[in-house]
């Protein structure tokens, strides 16, 4: 089941929601900000309860 994950753009500070798939395990992806269109690296990890956590930095 996909989990919603709130993240903040490291460039412009905009907040938005993305989805995380626990069945994929921990992963890293690059997405463009929905507001300023600049790229960011999103590292998603899951705790022992399956809750997603994100570390976001400029790409």
N, C-alpha and C. Protein backbone atom coordinates (compact mmCIF):
# COMPACT_ATOMS: atom_id res chain seq x y z
N UNK A 1 0.85 -1.17 0.00
CA UNK A 1 0.00 0.00 0.00
C UNK A 1 0.90 1.24 0.00
N UNK A 2 0.58 2.20 -0.83
CA UNK A 2 1.36 3.43 -0.91
C UNK A 2 1.09 4.31 0.30
N UNK A 3 2.14 4.98 0.77
CA UNK A 3 2.05 5.88 1.92
C UNK A 3 2.31 7.31 1.45
N UNK A 4 1.49 8.25 1.92
CA UNK A 4 1.75 9.66 1.62
C UNK A 4 2.92 10.15 2.46
N UNK A 5 3.72 10.99 1.86
CA UNK A 5 4.92 11.50 2.52
C UNK A 5 5.04 12.98 2.21
N UNK A 6 4.98 13.82 3.24
CA UNK A 6 5.11 15.26 3.07
C UNK A 6 6.58 15.64 3.04
N UNK A 7 6.96 16.40 2.02
CA UNK A 7 8.35 16.84 1.90
C UNK A 7 8.39 18.34 1.59
N UNK A 8 9.57 18.93 1.81
CA UNK A 8 9.77 20.35 1.57
C UNK A 8 10.92 20.54 0.59
N UNK A 9 10.70 21.38 -0.41
CA UNK A 9 11.74 21.66 -1.40
C UNK A 9 12.91 22.38 -0.73
N UNK A 10 14.14 21.89 -0.93
CA UNK A 10 15.30 22.54 -0.33
C UNK A 10 15.67 23.85 -1.03
N UNK A 11 15.10 24.10 -2.19
CA UNK A 11 15.40 25.32 -2.95
C UNK A 11 14.47 26.47 -2.57
N UNK A 12 13.14 26.23 -2.68
CA UNK A 12 12.18 27.32 -2.50
C UNK A 12 11.34 27.19 -1.24
N UNK A 13 11.43 26.04 -0.56
CA UNK A 13 10.69 25.85 0.69
C UNK A 13 9.26 25.39 0.52
N UNK A 14 8.82 25.17 -0.72
CA UNK A 14 7.44 24.73 -0.96
C UNK A 14 7.21 23.35 -0.33
N UNK A 15 6.02 23.17 0.22
CA UNK A 15 5.63 21.88 0.79
C UNK A 15 4.74 21.15 -0.20
N UNK A 16 4.96 19.86 -0.35
CA UNK A 16 4.07 19.06 -1.17
C UNK A 16 4.13 17.61 -0.72
N UNK A 17 3.21 16.82 -1.25
CA UNK A 17 3.09 15.42 -0.86
C UNK A 17 3.50 14.53 -2.02
N UNK A 18 4.27 13.50 -1.70
CA UNK A 18 4.62 12.48 -2.67
C UNK A 18 4.21 11.14 -2.06
N UNK A 19 4.33 10.07 -2.79
CA UNK A 19 3.97 8.76 -2.26
C UNK A 19 5.21 7.88 -2.14
N UNK A 20 5.18 7.01 -1.16
CA UNK A 20 6.27 6.07 -0.92
C UNK A 20 5.68 4.65 -0.91
N UNK A 21 6.40 3.72 -1.50
CA UNK A 21 5.96 2.33 -1.59
C UNK A 21 6.79 1.46 -0.66
N UNK A 22 6.22 1.05 0.48
CA UNK A 22 6.97 0.23 1.44
C UNK A 22 7.46 -1.10 0.86
N UNK A 23 6.75 -1.64 -0.12
CA UNK A 23 7.17 -2.93 -0.69
C UNK A 23 8.47 -2.80 -1.49
N UNK A 24 8.85 -1.57 -1.85
CA UNK A 24 10.09 -1.35 -2.61
C UNK A 24 11.31 -1.28 -1.70
N UNK A 25 11.09 -1.18 -0.39
CA UNK A 25 12.21 -1.03 0.53
C UNK A 25 12.76 0.39 0.46
N UNK A 26 13.90 0.62 1.10
CA UNK A 26 14.52 1.94 1.08
C UNK A 26 14.97 2.26 -0.35
N UNK A 27 14.83 3.52 -0.74
CA UNK A 27 15.24 3.90 -2.09
C UNK A 27 15.57 5.38 -2.17
N UNK A 28 16.17 5.78 -3.29
CA UNK A 28 16.54 7.16 -3.56
C UNK A 28 16.01 7.53 -4.94
N UNK A 29 15.46 8.72 -5.08
CA UNK A 29 14.94 9.19 -6.35
C UNK A 29 15.22 10.68 -6.51
N UNK A 30 15.20 11.15 -7.73
CA UNK A 30 15.33 12.58 -7.99
C UNK A 30 14.01 13.05 -8.59
N UNK A 31 13.43 14.08 -7.99
CA UNK A 31 12.19 14.66 -8.48
C UNK A 31 12.36 16.16 -8.61
N UNK A 32 11.60 16.75 -9.52
CA UNK A 32 11.58 18.20 -9.67
C UNK A 32 10.51 18.78 -8.76
N UNK A 33 10.81 19.93 -8.15
CA UNK A 33 9.85 20.63 -7.31
C UNK A 33 8.65 21.04 -8.16
N UNK A 34 7.45 20.89 -7.62
CA UNK A 34 6.23 21.27 -8.33
C UNK A 34 6.10 22.78 -8.48
N UNK A 35 6.84 23.55 -7.69
CA UNK A 35 6.72 25.01 -7.72
C UNK A 35 7.86 25.65 -8.51
N UNK A 36 9.12 25.38 -8.11
CA UNK A 36 10.26 26.05 -8.75
C UNK A 36 10.92 25.20 -9.84
N UNK A 37 10.51 23.94 -9.97
CA UNK A 37 11.00 23.02 -11.01
C UNK A 37 12.48 22.64 -10.88
N UNK A 38 13.11 22.94 -9.75
CA UNK A 38 14.51 22.56 -9.55
C UNK A 38 14.56 21.14 -8.99
N UNK A 39 15.61 20.37 -9.32
CA UNK A 39 15.68 18.98 -8.88
C UNK A 39 16.09 18.83 -7.42
N UNK A 40 15.57 17.78 -6.80
CA UNK A 40 15.94 17.44 -5.44
C UNK A 40 16.09 15.93 -5.33
N UNK A 41 17.01 15.52 -4.48
CA UNK A 41 17.20 14.10 -4.20
C UNK A 41 16.38 13.75 -2.97
N UNK A 42 15.55 12.72 -3.10
CA UNK A 42 14.71 12.27 -2.00
C UNK A 42 15.15 10.85 -1.64
N UNK A 43 15.63 10.68 -0.41
CA UNK A 43 16.01 9.36 0.10
C UNK A 43 14.91 8.92 1.06
N UNK A 44 14.26 7.82 0.72
CA UNK A 44 13.14 7.31 1.52
C UNK A 44 13.59 6.06 2.26
N UNK A 45 13.36 6.05 3.56
CA UNK A 45 13.62 4.87 4.38
C UNK A 45 12.35 4.55 5.15
N UNK A 46 12.25 3.32 5.61
CA UNK A 46 11.08 2.88 6.35
C UNK A 46 11.52 2.34 7.71
N UNK A 47 10.81 2.75 8.76
CA UNK A 47 11.15 2.24 10.09
C UNK A 47 10.56 0.84 10.26
N UNK A 48 10.77 0.25 11.43
CA UNK A 48 10.33 -1.13 11.66
C UNK A 48 8.81 -1.29 11.61
N UNK A 49 8.06 -0.19 11.74
CA UNK A 49 6.60 -0.24 11.64
C UNK A 49 6.12 0.05 10.22
N UNK A 50 7.04 0.27 9.30
CA UNK A 50 6.68 0.54 7.92
C UNK A 50 6.38 2.00 7.61
N UNK A 51 6.62 2.88 8.59
CA UNK A 51 6.39 4.31 8.38
C UNK A 51 7.53 4.89 7.54
N UNK A 52 7.19 5.66 6.50
CA UNK A 52 8.24 6.24 5.66
C UNK A 52 8.84 7.51 6.27
N UNK A 53 10.12 7.70 6.01
CA UNK A 53 10.86 8.89 6.41
C UNK A 53 11.63 9.37 5.19
N UNK A 54 11.75 10.67 5.02
CA UNK A 54 12.45 11.20 3.85
C UNK A 54 13.54 12.17 4.26
N UNK A 55 14.66 12.07 3.57
CA UNK A 55 15.75 13.03 3.67
C UNK A 55 15.82 13.69 2.30
N UNK A 56 15.63 15.01 2.26
CA UNK A 56 15.56 15.74 0.99
C UNK A 56 16.70 16.74 0.92
N UNK A 57 17.40 16.75 -0.22
CA UNK A 57 18.47 17.73 -0.42
C UNK A 57 18.50 18.15 -1.88
N UNK A 58 19.12 19.28 -2.14
CA UNK A 58 19.25 19.77 -3.52
C UNK A 58 20.05 18.77 -4.35
N UNK A 59 19.61 18.55 -5.58
CA UNK A 59 20.31 17.61 -6.46
C UNK A 59 21.27 18.35 -7.37
